[in-house]
């Protein structure tokens, strides 16, 4: 990676970069459902799971600056590691993600019937499973170990900065686009002339 290109950019820096260079690509790595709910104008959706599946096939045909975006910055950091060998030289992560972008009042395109952010979905499912298993353990004691397993999984997710529950939830129809064209999504990241922006 080019040493003069910053690893992270604040929202203000991204907006300045967009003004200086109209070829900058904002790549949102959240699920299609999250992207449909709200996204930065002009950004492309290339979900993290799609990058994981096709990381060995990625080969950049351009040298445009790329800014990776997610809800908080964690998934975008993972995406940067996945695309490191693709030939992209100017990759940054939006520091603080969509959360920070929205906090500073930068523009967002909002869809109708927005989907919950992945972190919120994980909290709902994990909390529901723990609450249900603890309550049910009053009748059948071994169910308390389900709650312990969820707690251990969440602790492991924090330590490794990955989340198996989020990866599973990302595969649900709720989080997928009605039509997901994987090759077209990937071209937004790698092709010299990507399709029109959303």
Protein backbone atom coordinates (compact mmCIF):
# COMPACT_ATOMS: atom_id res chain seq x y z
CA UNK A 1 0.00 0.00 0.00
CA UNK A 2 1.16 3.49 -0.79
CA UNK A 3 2.62 4.92 2.39
CA UNK A 4 1.29 8.42 1.61
CA UNK A 5 -2.30 7.18 1.54
CA UNK A 6 -3.90 7.23 5.02
CA UNK A 7 -5.30 4.00 6.49
CA UNK A 8 -8.36 5.81 7.87
CA UNK A 9 -10.15 8.99 6.91
CA UNK A 10 -12.58 11.08 8.94
CA UNK A 11 -15.88 11.99 7.23
CA UNK A 12 -14.62 15.52 6.53
CA UNK A 13 -11.50 14.10 4.85
CA UNK A 14 -13.61 11.77 2.70
CA UNK A 15 -15.78 14.67 1.55
CA UNK A 16 -12.67 16.73 0.73
CA UNK A 17 -11.25 13.78 -1.20
CA UNK A 18 -14.52 13.49 -3.16
CA UNK A 19 -14.32 17.18 -4.07
CA UNK A 20 -10.67 16.92 -5.16
CA UNK A 21 -11.05 13.60 -6.97
CA UNK A 22 -14.43 12.67 -8.47
CA UNK A 23 -13.07 9.19 -9.22
CA UNK A 24 -12.89 8.20 -5.54
CA UNK A 25 -14.91 5.05 -4.89
CA UNK A 26 -16.91 4.61 -1.71
CA UNK A 27 -17.40 0.86 -1.18
CA UNK A 28 -19.97 -0.02 1.48
CA UNK A 29 -19.28 -3.53 2.81
CA UNK A 30 -22.45 -3.89 4.89
CA UNK A 31 -25.22 -6.29 3.92
CA UNK A 32 -27.52 -5.31 1.04
CA UNK A 33 -30.33 -4.92 3.57
CA UNK A 34 -28.35 -2.44 5.66
CA UNK A 35 -27.23 -0.61 2.52
CA UNK A 36 -30.85 -0.30 1.35
CA UNK A 37 -31.80 1.25 4.68
CA UNK A 38 -29.25 4.08 4.50
CA UNK A 39 -26.04 4.70 2.58
CA UNK A 40 -23.70 7.48 1.51
CA UNK A 41 -24.76 9.04 -1.80
CA UNK A 42 -22.59 7.72 -4.63
CA UNK A 43 -21.45 4.63 -2.76
CA UNK A 44 -21.44 1.08 -4.08
CA UNK A 45 -22.52 -1.97 -2.10
CA UNK A 46 -19.97 -4.81 -2.08
CA UNK A 47 -20.86 -6.93 0.99
CA UNK A 48 -18.07 -8.28 3.17
CA UNK A 49 -19.28 -11.88 2.72
CA UNK A 50 -19.02 -11.43 -1.06
CA UNK A 51 -15.44 -10.20 -0.67
CA UNK A 52 -14.63 -13.22 1.48
CA UNK A 53 -16.05 -15.60 -1.13
CA UNK A 54 -14.22 -13.98 -4.06
CA UNK A 55 -11.05 -12.54 -2.50
CA UNK A 56 -8.74 -14.72 -4.62
CA UNK A 57 -10.41 -13.53 -7.83
CA UNK A 58 -10.07 -9.80 -7.13
CA UNK A 59 -7.76 -7.94 -9.45
CA UNK A 60 -7.96 -4.16 -9.73
CA UNK A 61 -7.99 -2.52 -13.14
CA UNK A 62 -7.74 1.04 -11.83
CA UNK A 63 -5.79 3.22 -9.42
CA UNK A 64 -8.73 5.25 -8.08
CA UNK A 65 -8.76 5.95 -4.35
CA UNK A 66 -11.06 3.54 -2.50
CA UNK A 67 -12.75 4.28 0.82
CA UNK A 68 -14.28 1.27 2.56
CA UNK A 69 -17.41 1.93 4.62
CA UNK A 70 -19.44 -0.02 7.18
CA UNK A 71 -21.50 0.84 10.24
CA UNK A 72 -18.62 1.47 12.66
CA UNK A 73 -15.39 0.73 10.78
CA UNK A 74 -14.76 -2.84 11.99
CA UNK A 75 -16.08 -4.67 8.92
CA UNK A 76 -14.38 -2.15 6.65
CA UNK A 77 -11.05 -2.97 8.37
CA UNK A 78 -11.69 -6.66 7.68
CA UNK A 79 -12.50 -5.83 4.05
CA UNK A 80 -9.23 -3.91 3.68
CA UNK A 81 -7.30 -7.00 4.79
CA UNK A 82 -9.25 -9.13 2.29
CA UNK A 83 -8.53 -6.89 -0.71
CA UNK A 84 -4.90 -6.25 0.20
CA UNK A 85 -3.58 -8.48 -2.58
CA UNK A 86 -5.92 -7.23 -5.30
CA UNK A 87 -3.62 -4.54 -6.67
CA UNK A 88 -5.52 -1.64 -5.09
CA UNK A 89 -2.92 0.81 -3.81
CA UNK A 90 -5.02 3.60 -2.33
CA UNK A 91 -7.39 2.02 0.20
CA UNK A 92 -8.72 3.79 3.29
CA UNK A 93 -11.43 3.06 5.83
CA UNK A 94 -14.05 5.63 6.82
CA UNK A 95 -13.16 6.20 10.47
CA UNK A 96 -16.23 5.58 12.63
CA UNK A 97 -18.22 4.38 9.62
CA UNK A 98 -21.77 5.42 8.84
CA UNK A 99 -22.26 6.18 12.55
CA UNK A 100 -19.67 8.96 12.42
CA UNK A 101 -20.77 10.10 8.95
CA UNK A 102 -24.30 10.59 10.27
CA UNK A 103 -23.10 12.17 13.53
CA UNK A 104 -21.33 15.00 11.68
CA UNK A 105 -24.40 15.65 9.53
CA UNK A 106 -22.98 14.40 6.23
CA UNK A 107 -25.62 13.42 3.65
CA UNK A 108 -27.20 9.96 3.60
CA UNK A 109 -29.63 8.38 1.17
CA UNK A 110 -32.33 6.67 3.23
CA UNK A 111 -34.49 3.88 1.92
CA UNK A 112 -38.01 3.08 2.99
CA UNK A 113 -38.43 0.42 5.63
CA UNK A 114 -34.76 0.49 6.58
CA UNK A 115 -33.15 -2.62 7.97
CA UNK A 116 -31.48 -2.84 11.33
CA UNK A 117 -27.72 -2.55 11.47
CA UNK A 118 -25.96 -5.91 11.86
CA UNK A 119 -24.67 -5.07 15.35
CA UNK A 120 -28.25 -4.39 16.47
CA UNK A 121 -29.45 -7.68 14.97
CA UNK A 122 -26.69 -9.57 16.81
CA UNK A 123 -27.66 -7.93 20.11
CA UNK A 124 -31.32 -8.85 19.57
CA UNK A 125 -30.64 -12.49 18.70
CA UNK A 126 -27.96 -13.03 21.36
CA UNK A 127 -30.05 -11.34 24.06
CA UNK A 128 -33.17 -13.29 23.10
CA UNK A 129 -31.35 -16.63 23.12
CA UNK A 130 -29.71 -15.90 26.49
CA UNK A 131 -32.95 -14.69 28.08
CA UNK A 132 -34.94 -17.65 26.76
CA UNK A 133 -32.36 -20.26 27.76
CA UNK A 134 -31.91 -18.81 31.27
CA UNK A 135 -35.69 -18.70 31.81
CA UNK A 136 -36.13 -22.22 30.41
CA UNK A 137 -33.25 -23.52 32.57
CA UNK A 138 -35.60 -23.19 35.56
CA UNK A 139 -37.44 -26.16 34.06
CA UNK A 140 -34.54 -27.92 32.36
CA UNK A 141 -31.23 -27.00 34.02
CA UNK A 142 -28.80 -27.86 31.20
CA UNK A 143 -30.24 -25.04 29.04
CA UNK A 144 -28.13 -22.62 31.08
CA UNK A 145 -25.18 -23.85 29.01
CA UNK A 146 -26.77 -22.40 25.88
CA UNK A 147 -26.56 -18.97 27.53
CA UNK A 148 -22.96 -19.70 28.53
CA UNK A 149 -22.17 -20.69 24.94
CA UNK A 150 -23.60 -17.44 23.58
CA UNK A 151 -21.61 -15.47 26.16
CA UNK A 152 -18.42 -17.31 25.20
CA UNK A 153 -19.14 -16.67 21.52
CA UNK A 154 -19.60 -12.95 22.13
CA UNK A 155 -16.37 -12.80 24.14
CA UNK A 156 -14.53 -14.61 21.34
CA UNK A 157 -16.06 -12.20 18.81
CA UNK A 158 -14.68 -9.27 20.79
CA UNK A 159 -11.20 -10.78 21.09
CA UNK A 160 -10.92 -11.85 17.43
CA UNK A 161 -12.88 -8.90 15.99
CA UNK A 162 -15.06 -11.35 14.04
CA UNK A 163 -18.59 -12.53 14.73
CA UNK A 164 -19.96 -15.86 13.58
CA UNK A 165 -23.50 -14.83 14.52
CA UNK A 166 -23.24 -11.75 12.28
CA UNK A 167 -21.95 -13.90 9.43
CA UNK A 168 -24.92 -16.24 9.82
CA UNK A 169 -27.42 -13.38 10.09
CA UNK A 170 -25.97 -11.79 6.94
CA UNK A 171 -27.17 -14.86 5.01
CA UNK A 172 -30.81 -14.40 5.99
CA UNK A 173 -33.17 -13.16 3.23
CA UNK A 174 -33.88 -10.07 5.37
CA UNK A 175 -30.26 -8.96 4.91
CA UNK A 176 -29.95 -9.83 1.24
CA UNK A 177 -30.95 -7.71 -1.71
CA UNK A 178 -33.94 -8.87 -3.73
CA UNK A 179 -31.53 -9.47 -6.58
CA UNK A 180 -27.84 -9.82 -5.78
CA UNK A 181 -25.61 -9.68 -8.85
CA UNK A 182 -22.23 -10.69 -7.37
CA UNK A 183 -20.13 -10.00 -10.52
CA UNK A 184 -21.67 -6.53 -10.93
CA UNK A 185 -21.08 -5.75 -7.25
CA UNK A 186 -17.44 -6.78 -7.47
CA UNK A 187 -16.83 -4.67 -10.60
CA UNK A 188 -17.64 -1.58 -8.53
CA UNK A 189 -14.46 -2.29 -6.61
CA UNK A 190 -12.14 -3.60 -9.32
CA UNK A 191 -13.19 -2.49 -12.83
CA UNK A 192 -11.79 0.55 -14.59
CA UNK A 193 -15.27 1.91 -15.34
CA UNK A 194 -17.86 0.73 -12.79
CA UNK A 195 -21.60 0.86 -13.41
CA UNK A 196 -23.66 3.86 -12.37
CA UNK A 197 -23.73 4.58 -8.66
CA UNK A 198 -26.71 4.05 -6.36
